[in-house]
């Protein structure tokens, strides 16, 4: 049997578990207590397990409910992380940077610049390639590199 939970059901369940109250959880999301109760009941029904002990006052999580509470929080945290990474990628704060350079740049301050860049933008993977100028130029024109550093660029002409 397949069941598709939605994000709101997870949020509602977490709120009920934290407040130990259907009413307070409903107030947090500006929905009726009945709607929250129905969503939690749907979770329990689809998983064939009781998550909340309604006989106790205040209500309490069952052992299964306690496990689901921690898992639901982890799912929402992971979703928020994923959303953040997507936003970072769309803003250019994540991705890859392919750098080509010629021999000799190892002794320049290029590595310090890359270290500083990486500290500022830790979600950008930097890959470095050392080649001769002609290979770097060809690679730049073929989109193999995002940027190249050479000592002599007089031979780099795009036809």
N, C-alpha and C. Protein backbone atom coordinates (compact mmCIF):
# COMPACT_ATOMS: atom_id res chain seq x y z
N UNK A 1 0.83 -1.17 0.00
CA UNK A 1 0.00 0.00 0.00
C UNK A 1 0.89 1.25 0.00
N UNK A 2 0.67 2.13 -0.96
CA UNK A 2 1.47 3.36 -1.07
C UNK A 2 0.72 4.51 -0.42
N UNK A 3 1.48 5.33 0.24
CA UNK A 3 0.91 6.49 0.91
C UNK A 3 1.85 7.66 0.69
N UNK A 4 1.32 8.78 0.34
CA UNK A 4 2.13 9.98 0.12
C UNK A 4 1.79 11.00 1.20
N UNK A 5 2.75 11.21 2.08
CA UNK A 5 2.59 12.24 3.10
C UNK A 5 2.87 13.59 2.46
N UNK A 6 2.26 14.62 3.02
CA UNK A 6 2.64 15.94 2.55
C UNK A 6 3.35 16.69 3.67
N UNK A 7 4.01 17.75 3.28
CA UNK A 7 4.81 18.53 4.23
C UNK A 7 3.94 19.04 5.37
N UNK A 8 2.74 19.50 5.05
CA UNK A 8 1.87 20.04 6.10
C UNK A 8 1.54 19.00 7.16
N UNK A 9 1.32 17.76 6.74
CA UNK A 9 1.03 16.71 7.71
C UNK A 9 2.19 16.55 8.68
N UNK A 10 3.41 16.61 8.16
CA UNK A 10 4.58 16.50 9.03
C UNK A 10 4.65 17.69 9.99
N UNK A 11 4.43 18.89 9.44
CA UNK A 11 4.46 20.09 10.29
C UNK A 11 3.38 20.03 11.36
N UNK A 12 2.20 19.61 10.99
CA UNK A 12 1.09 19.54 11.95
C UNK A 12 1.41 18.52 13.05
N UNK A 13 1.93 17.37 12.65
CA UNK A 13 2.27 16.34 13.63
C UNK A 13 3.33 16.85 14.61
N UNK A 14 4.36 17.49 14.08
CA UNK A 14 5.42 18.03 14.94
C UNK A 14 4.85 19.06 15.91
N UNK A 15 3.99 19.93 15.42
CA UNK A 15 3.38 20.94 16.29
C UNK A 15 2.54 20.30 17.39
N UNK A 16 1.73 19.30 17.04
CA UNK A 16 0.92 18.60 18.05
C UNK A 16 1.83 17.96 19.09
N UNK A 17 2.90 17.33 18.62
CA UNK A 17 3.83 16.66 19.55
C UNK A 17 4.51 17.67 20.47
N UNK A 18 4.90 18.80 19.93
CA UNK A 18 5.60 19.80 20.74
C UNK A 18 4.66 20.52 21.72
N UNK A 19 3.48 20.88 21.25
CA UNK A 19 2.52 21.58 22.12
C UNK A 19 1.77 20.63 23.05
N UNK A 20 1.77 19.34 22.67
CA UNK A 20 0.95 18.35 23.39
C UNK A 20 -0.52 18.76 23.38
N UNK A 21 -0.92 19.36 22.24
CA UNK A 21 -2.28 19.87 22.12
C UNK A 21 -2.64 20.04 20.65
N UNK A 22 -3.78 19.49 20.28
CA UNK A 22 -4.29 19.69 18.92
C UNK A 22 -4.72 21.14 18.72
N UNK A 23 -5.33 21.72 19.72
CA UNK A 23 -5.84 23.09 19.61
C UNK A 23 -4.71 24.10 19.43
N UNK A 24 -3.67 23.98 20.24
CA UNK A 24 -2.53 24.92 20.12
C UNK A 24 -1.82 24.75 18.78
N UNK A 25 -1.70 23.52 18.32
CA UNK A 25 -1.07 23.27 17.02
C UNK A 25 -1.92 23.89 15.91
N UNK A 26 -3.22 23.75 16.01
CA UNK A 26 -4.13 24.33 15.01
C UNK A 26 -4.00 25.85 15.01
N UNK A 27 -3.93 26.45 16.19
CA UNK A 27 -3.79 27.90 16.27
C UNK A 27 -2.49 28.38 15.62
N UNK A 28 -1.42 27.61 15.75
CA UNK A 28 -0.14 27.99 15.15
C UNK A 28 -0.27 28.11 13.63
N UNK A 29 -1.05 27.21 13.02
CA UNK A 29 -1.18 27.19 11.56
C UNK A 29 -2.48 27.83 11.06
N UNK A 30 -3.22 28.45 11.97
CA UNK A 30 -4.45 29.16 11.60
C UNK A 30 -5.45 28.26 10.86
N UNK A 31 -5.56 27.04 11.36
CA UNK A 31 -6.56 26.10 10.82
C UNK A 31 -7.37 25.57 12.00
N UNK A 32 -8.42 24.87 11.69
CA UNK A 32 -9.28 24.37 12.76
C UNK A 32 -8.63 23.18 13.46
N UNK A 33 -9.04 22.99 14.69
CA UNK A 33 -8.56 21.83 15.44
C UNK A 33 -9.01 20.55 14.76
N UNK A 34 -10.19 20.57 14.17
CA UNK A 34 -10.71 19.41 13.45
C UNK A 34 -9.81 19.04 12.27
N UNK A 35 -9.33 20.04 11.55
CA UNK A 35 -8.46 19.79 10.40
C UNK A 35 -7.15 19.13 10.84
N UNK A 36 -6.57 19.64 11.92
CA UNK A 36 -5.34 19.04 12.45
C UNK A 36 -5.59 17.60 12.87
N UNK A 37 -6.68 17.38 13.60
CA UNK A 37 -7.02 16.04 14.06
C UNK A 37 -7.18 15.09 12.87
N UNK A 38 -7.85 15.55 11.82
CA UNK A 38 -8.04 14.71 10.63
C UNK A 38 -6.72 14.37 9.97
N UNK A 39 -5.81 15.33 9.88
CA UNK A 39 -4.50 15.08 9.24
C UNK A 39 -3.68 14.07 10.05
N UNK A 40 -3.70 14.19 11.36
CA UNK A 40 -2.96 13.24 12.21
C UNK A 40 -3.60 11.86 12.12
N UNK A 41 -4.91 11.84 12.11
CA UNK A 41 -5.62 10.56 11.98
C UNK A 41 -5.27 9.91 10.63
N UNK A 42 -5.20 10.69 9.57
CA UNK A 42 -4.83 10.15 8.25
C UNK A 42 -3.42 9.55 8.29
N UNK A 43 -2.48 10.22 8.95
CA UNK A 43 -1.13 9.66 9.09
C UNK A 43 -1.18 8.32 9.81
N UNK A 44 -1.89 8.28 10.92
CA UNK A 44 -1.98 7.06 11.70
C UNK A 44 -2.65 5.93 10.90
N UNK A 45 -3.69 6.27 10.20
CA UNK A 45 -4.41 5.27 9.42
C UNK A 45 -3.53 4.70 8.31
N UNK A 46 -2.83 5.55 7.60
CA UNK A 46 -2.01 5.09 6.48
C UNK A 46 -0.78 4.32 6.94
N UNK A 47 -0.30 4.62 8.15
CA UNK A 47 0.85 3.88 8.66
C UNK A 47 0.41 2.70 9.53
N UNK A 48 -0.89 2.59 9.78
CA UNK A 48 -1.45 1.52 10.61
C UNK A 48 -0.79 1.48 11.98
N UNK A 49 -0.64 2.65 12.57
CA UNK A 49 -0.04 2.73 13.89
C UNK A 49 -0.58 3.97 14.61
N UNK A 50 -0.73 3.86 15.91
CA UNK A 50 -1.17 5.01 16.69
C UNK A 50 0.07 5.82 17.06
N UNK A 51 0.04 7.11 16.72
CA UNK A 51 1.17 8.00 16.99
C UNK A 51 0.98 8.78 18.29
N UNK A 52 -0.29 9.04 18.63
CA UNK A 52 -0.60 9.88 19.78
C UNK A 52 -1.55 9.15 20.72
N UNK A 53 -1.20 9.18 21.99
CA UNK A 53 -2.06 8.63 23.02
C UNK A 53 -3.01 9.74 23.46
N UNK A 54 -4.24 9.67 22.95
CA UNK A 54 -5.24 10.71 23.21
C UNK A 54 -5.91 10.55 24.58
N UNK A 55 -5.72 9.40 25.23
CA UNK A 55 -6.37 9.15 26.52
C UNK A 55 -5.68 9.93 27.63
N UNK A 56 -4.45 10.30 27.42
CA UNK A 56 -3.70 11.03 28.46
C UNK A 56 -3.92 12.52 28.31
N UNK A 57 -3.83 13.24 29.41
CA UNK A 57 -3.91 14.70 29.38
C UNK A 57 -2.72 15.26 30.13
N UNK A 58 -1.89 16.06 29.53
CA UNK A 58 -1.97 16.38 28.11
C UNK A 58 -1.64 15.16 27.25
N UNK A 59 -2.01 15.24 25.99
CA UNK A 59 -1.76 14.11 25.10
C UNK A 59 -0.26 13.81 25.07
N UNK A 60 0.09 12.59 24.71
CA UNK A 60 1.49 12.17 24.68
C UNK A 60 1.74 11.32 23.43
N UNK A 61 2.97 11.26 23.03
CA UNK A 61 3.34 10.41 21.91
C UNK A 61 3.46 8.97 22.36
N UNK A 62 3.04 8.07 21.51
CA UNK A 62 3.28 6.64 21.74
C UNK A 62 4.75 6.38 21.41
N UNK A 63 5.27 5.20 21.69
CA UNK A 63 6.65 4.90 21.28
C UNK A 63 6.84 5.08 19.76
N UNK A 64 5.85 4.63 18.98
CA UNK A 64 5.93 4.81 17.53
C UNK A 64 5.87 6.30 17.17
N UNK A 65 5.03 7.04 17.89
CA UNK A 65 4.92 8.47 17.65
C UNK A 65 6.21 9.20 17.96
N UNK A 66 6.89 8.76 18.99
CA UNK A 66 8.18 9.36 19.35
C UNK A 66 9.21 9.15 18.24
N UNK A 67 9.25 7.94 17.69
CA UNK A 67 10.17 7.66 16.57
C UNK A 67 9.79 8.52 15.37
N UNK A 68 8.50 8.58 15.06
CA UNK A 68 8.05 9.36 13.91
C UNK A 68 8.32 10.85 14.11
N UNK A 69 8.19 11.33 15.32
CA UNK A 69 8.47 12.73 15.63
C UNK A 69 9.91 13.09 15.24
N UNK A 70 10.87 12.27 15.66
CA UNK A 70 12.28 12.55 15.34
C UNK A 70 12.55 12.42 13.85
N UNK A 71 11.92 11.44 13.22
CA UNK A 71 12.11 11.25 11.77
C UNK A 71 11.47 12.40 10.99
N UNK A 72 10.29 12.83 11.40
CA UNK A 72 9.61 13.93 10.71
C UNK A 72 10.42 15.21 10.82
N UNK A 73 10.99 15.47 11.99
CA UNK A 73 11.84 16.66 12.16
C UNK A 73 13.06 16.57 11.25
N UNK A 74 13.65 15.38 11.16
CA UNK A 74 14.83 15.20 10.30
C UNK A 74 14.46 15.41 8.83
N UNK A 75 13.29 14.94 8.42
CA UNK A 75 12.83 15.12 7.03
C UNK A 75 12.67 16.60 6.73
N UNK A 76 12.02 17.34 7.62
CA UNK A 76 11.81 18.77 7.39
C UNK A 76 13.13 19.53 7.40
N UNK A 77 14.05 19.15 8.29
CA UNK A 77 15.37 19.79 8.29
C UNK A 77 16.09 19.54 6.97
N UNK A 78 16.01 18.30 6.49
CA UNK A 78 16.67 17.95 5.22
C UNK A 78 16.04 18.71 4.06
N UNK A 79 14.73 18.85 4.08
CA UNK A 79 14.04 19.59 3.02
C UNK A 79 14.46 21.06 3.05
N UNK A 80 14.54 21.64 4.24
CA UNK A 80 14.97 23.03 4.34
C UNK A 80 16.40 23.21 3.87
N UNK A 81 17.26 22.25 4.17
CA UNK A 81 18.63 22.29 3.68
C UNK A 81 18.66 22.22 2.15
N UNK A 82 17.87 21.32 1.59
CA UNK A 82 17.81 21.18 0.13
C UNK A 82 17.31 22.47 -0.52
N UNK A 83 16.29 23.06 0.05
CA UNK A 83 15.75 24.31 -0.49
C UNK A 83 16.81 25.41 -0.42
N UNK A 84 17.52 25.48 0.68
CA UNK A 84 18.60 26.46 0.82
C UNK A 84 19.68 26.26 -0.23
N UNK A 85 20.06 25.01 -0.48
CA UNK A 85 21.09 24.73 -1.48
C UNK A 85 20.61 25.09 -2.88
N UNK A 86 19.34 24.85 -3.15
CA UNK A 86 18.78 25.21 -4.46
C UNK A 86 18.82 26.72 -4.65
N UNK A 87 18.45 27.46 -3.60
CA UNK A 87 18.49 28.92 -3.68
C UNK A 87 19.93 29.41 -3.85
N UNK A 88 20.88 28.78 -3.13
CA UNK A 88 22.28 29.14 -3.29
C UNK A 88 22.76 28.89 -4.71
N UNK A 89 22.36 27.75 -5.27
CA UNK A 89 22.78 27.42 -6.64
C UNK A 89 22.20 28.41 -7.63
N UNK A 90 20.95 28.80 -7.44
CA UNK A 90 20.33 29.75 -8.37
C UNK A 90 20.95 31.13 -8.25
N UNK A 91 21.52 31.44 -7.08
CA UNK A 91 22.16 32.74 -6.87
C UNK A 91 23.66 32.69 -7.18
N UNK A 92 24.14 31.54 -7.66
CA UNK A 92 25.55 31.41 -7.98
C UNK A 92 26.42 31.13 -6.77
N UNK A 93 25.81 30.73 -5.66
CA UNK A 93 26.57 30.46 -4.44
C UNK A 93 26.91 28.98 -4.29
N UNK A 94 26.58 28.19 -5.31
CA UNK A 94 26.91 26.77 -5.31
C UNK A 94 27.15 26.36 -6.75
N UNK A 95 27.92 25.31 -6.93
CA UNK A 95 28.21 24.83 -8.27
C UNK A 95 29.66 24.42 -8.40
N UNK A 96 30.19 24.60 -9.59
CA UNK A 96 31.58 24.22 -9.84
C UNK A 96 32.30 25.36 -10.53
N UNK A 97 33.59 25.41 -10.32
CA UNK A 97 34.46 26.38 -10.98
C UNK A 97 35.67 25.61 -11.48
N UNK A 98 35.85 25.60 -12.80
CA UNK A 98 36.95 24.87 -13.42
C UNK A 98 38.03 25.88 -13.82
N UNK A 99 39.20 25.75 -13.20
CA UNK A 99 40.28 26.70 -13.41
C UNK A 99 41.43 26.01 -14.12
N UNK A 100 41.88 26.62 -15.20
CA UNK A 100 43.06 26.14 -15.91
C UNK A 100 44.21 27.10 -15.67
N UNK A 101 45.41 26.56 -15.53
CA UNK A 101 46.57 27.43 -15.32
C UNK A 101 47.81 26.79 -15.93
N UNK A 102 48.80 27.63 -16.20
CA UNK A 102 50.06 27.13 -16.75
C UNK A 102 51.08 26.94 -15.63
N UNK A 103 52.13 26.21 -15.96
CA UNK A 103 53.21 25.96 -15.01
C UNK A 103 53.75 27.29 -14.49
N UNK A 104 53.99 27.32 -13.21
CA UNK A 104 54.53 28.53 -12.59
C UNK A 104 53.53 29.21 -11.67
N UNK A 105 52.25 29.00 -11.93
CA UNK A 105 51.24 29.63 -11.08
C UNK A 105 51.20 29.01 -9.69
N UNK A 106 51.82 27.82 -9.52
CA UNK A 106 51.89 27.22 -8.19
C UNK A 106 52.68 28.13 -7.25
N UNK A 107 53.60 28.91 -7.80
CA UNK A 107 54.45 29.80 -6.99
C UNK A 107 53.85 31.20 -6.87
N UNK A 108 52.69 31.44 -7.47
CA UNK A 108 52.04 32.75 -7.37
C UNK A 108 51.07 32.74 -6.19
N UNK A 109 50.31 33.80 -6.05
CA UNK A 109 49.33 33.85 -4.96
C UNK A 109 47.98 33.27 -5.39
N UNK A 110 47.93 32.56 -6.51
CA UNK A 110 46.68 31.96 -6.99
C UNK A 110 46.09 31.01 -5.95
N UNK A 111 46.93 30.20 -5.31
CA UNK A 111 46.39 29.26 -4.33
C UNK A 111 45.80 30.00 -3.12
N UNK A 112 46.40 31.10 -2.72
CA UNK A 112 45.84 31.90 -1.62
C UNK A 112 44.50 32.51 -2.02
N UNK A 113 44.41 32.97 -3.25
CA UNK A 113 43.15 33.55 -3.76
C UNK A 113 42.07 32.47 -3.78
N UNK A 114 42.41 31.27 -4.25
CA UNK A 114 41.43 30.18 -4.31
C UNK A 114 40.99 29.76 -2.90
N UNK A 115 41.92 29.75 -1.94
CA UNK A 115 41.59 29.41 -0.56
C UNK A 115 40.61 30.43 0.00
N UNK A 116 40.86 31.71 -0.22
CA UNK A 116 39.97 32.76 0.25
C UNK A 116 38.60 32.63 -0.40
N UNK A 117 38.59 32.36 -1.72
CA UNK A 117 37.33 32.18 -2.44
C UNK A 117 36.56 31.01 -1.85
N UNK A 118 37.26 29.90 -1.58
CA UNK A 118 36.59 28.70 -1.04
C UNK A 118 36.01 28.97 0.35
N UNK A 119 36.69 29.73 1.16
CA UNK A 119 36.16 30.07 2.49
C UNK A 119 34.90 30.92 2.37
N UNK A 120 34.87 31.80 1.37
CA UNK A 120 33.71 32.67 1.15
C UNK A 120 32.54 31.91 0.53
N UNK A 121 32.86 30.94 -0.37
CA UNK A 121 31.84 30.18 -1.10
C UNK A 121 32.13 28.68 -0.96
N UNK A 122 31.87 28.11 0.21
CA UNK A 122 32.24 26.71 0.44
C UNK A 122 31.45 25.70 -0.38
N UNK A 123 30.32 26.09 -0.96
CA UNK A 123 29.51 25.15 -1.75
C UNK A 123 29.88 25.14 -3.22
N UNK A 124 30.96 25.82 -3.57
CA UNK A 124 31.43 25.79 -4.96
C UNK A 124 32.65 24.89 -5.01
N UNK A 125 32.55 23.85 -5.83
CA UNK A 125 33.64 22.91 -6.01
C UNK A 125 34.63 23.50 -7.01
N UNK A 126 35.87 23.67 -6.58
CA UNK A 126 36.91 24.21 -7.45
C UNK A 126 37.76 23.06 -7.95
N UNK A 127 37.91 22.97 -9.27
CA UNK A 127 38.75 21.95 -9.88
C UNK A 127 39.82 22.67 -10.69
N UNK A 128 41.07 22.28 -10.50
CA UNK A 128 42.19 22.94 -11.18
C UNK A 128 42.85 21.98 -12.17
N UNK A 129 43.28 22.56 -13.30
CA UNK A 129 43.94 21.80 -14.36
C UNK A 129 45.19 22.56 -14.77
N UNK A 130 46.35 21.88 -14.83
CA UNK A 130 47.57 22.51 -15.30
C UNK A 130 47.89 22.00 -16.69
N UNK A 131 47.97 22.92 -17.65
CA UNK A 131 48.25 22.57 -19.04
C UNK A 131 49.09 23.68 -19.66
N UNK A 132 49.53 23.46 -20.90
CA UNK A 132 50.22 24.55 -21.59
C UNK A 132 49.20 25.54 -22.14
N UNK A 133 49.68 26.71 -22.53
CA UNK A 133 48.80 27.80 -22.94
C UNK A 133 47.86 27.42 -24.08
N UNK A 134 48.38 26.75 -25.10
CA UNK A 134 47.53 26.39 -26.24
C UNK A 134 46.40 25.44 -25.82
N UNK A 135 46.70 24.47 -24.97
CA UNK A 135 45.66 23.54 -24.51
C UNK A 135 44.64 24.27 -23.64
N UNK A 136 45.12 25.19 -22.81
CA UNK A 136 44.20 25.96 -21.99
C UNK A 136 43.27 26.81 -22.85
N UNK A 137 43.84 27.46 -23.85
CA UNK A 137 43.04 28.31 -24.73
C UNK A 137 41.97 27.47 -25.45
N UNK A 138 42.38 26.33 -25.98
CA UNK A 138 41.42 25.46 -26.66
C UNK A 138 40.34 24.99 -25.69
N UNK A 139 40.74 24.65 -24.48
CA UNK A 139 39.78 24.21 -23.47
C UNK A 139 38.82 25.31 -23.07
N UNK A 140 39.31 26.55 -23.01
CA UNK A 140 38.44 27.68 -22.68
C UNK A 140 37.39 27.87 -23.78
N UNK A 141 37.81 27.80 -25.01
CA UNK A 141 36.87 27.97 -26.13
C UNK A 141 35.90 26.80 -26.25
N UNK A 142 36.30 25.63 -25.77
CA UNK A 142 35.42 24.45 -25.79
C UNK A 142 34.59 24.33 -24.51
N UNK A 143 34.65 25.33 -23.66
CA UNK A 143 33.93 25.34 -22.38
C UNK A 143 34.39 24.25 -21.42
N UNK A 144 35.64 23.84 -21.53
CA UNK A 144 36.20 22.89 -20.57
C UNK A 144 36.61 23.58 -19.28
N UNK A 145 36.88 24.90 -19.36
CA UNK A 145 37.30 25.70 -18.21
C UNK A 145 36.40 26.92 -18.11
N UNK A 146 36.25 27.40 -16.87
CA UNK A 146 35.51 28.64 -16.66
C UNK A 146 36.44 29.85 -16.73
N UNK A 147 37.69 29.64 -16.34
CA UNK A 147 38.70 30.69 -16.37
C UNK A 147 40.06 30.04 -16.51
N UNK A 148 40.98 30.73 -17.20
CA UNK A 148 42.35 30.22 -17.31
C UNK A 148 43.32 31.31 -16.92
N UNK A 149 44.48 30.89 -16.44
CA UNK A 149 45.57 31.80 -16.10
C UNK A 149 46.80 31.35 -16.87
N UNK A 150 47.35 32.26 -17.66
CA UNK A 150 48.56 31.96 -18.43
C UNK A 150 49.53 33.12 -18.26
N UNK A 151 50.80 32.86 -18.61
CA UNK A 151 51.79 33.94 -18.56
C UNK A 151 51.79 34.70 -19.87
N UNK A 152 51.58 33.99 -20.96
CA UNK A 152 51.67 34.60 -22.28
C UNK A 152 50.39 34.26 -23.04
N UNK A 153 49.57 35.26 -23.27
CA UNK A 153 48.29 35.00 -23.94
C UNK A 153 48.28 35.53 -25.36
N UNK A 154 49.44 35.85 -25.91
CA UNK A 154 49.46 36.44 -27.26
C UNK A 154 49.02 35.44 -28.32
N UNK A 155 49.10 34.15 -28.05
CA UNK A 155 48.69 33.15 -29.03
C UNK A 155 47.22 32.78 -28.93
N UNK A 156 46.52 33.36 -27.95
CA UNK A 156 45.12 33.01 -27.77
C UNK A 156 44.27 33.92 -28.64
N UNK A 157 43.83 33.37 -29.73
CA UNK A 157 42.95 34.10 -30.66
C UNK A 157 41.78 33.20 -31.00
N UNK A 158 40.62 33.76 -30.97
CA UNK A 158 39.46 32.97 -31.35
C UNK A 158 39.20 33.24 -32.83
N UNK A 159 39.04 32.16 -33.58
CA UNK A 159 38.83 32.31 -35.03
C UNK A 159 37.38 32.51 -35.36
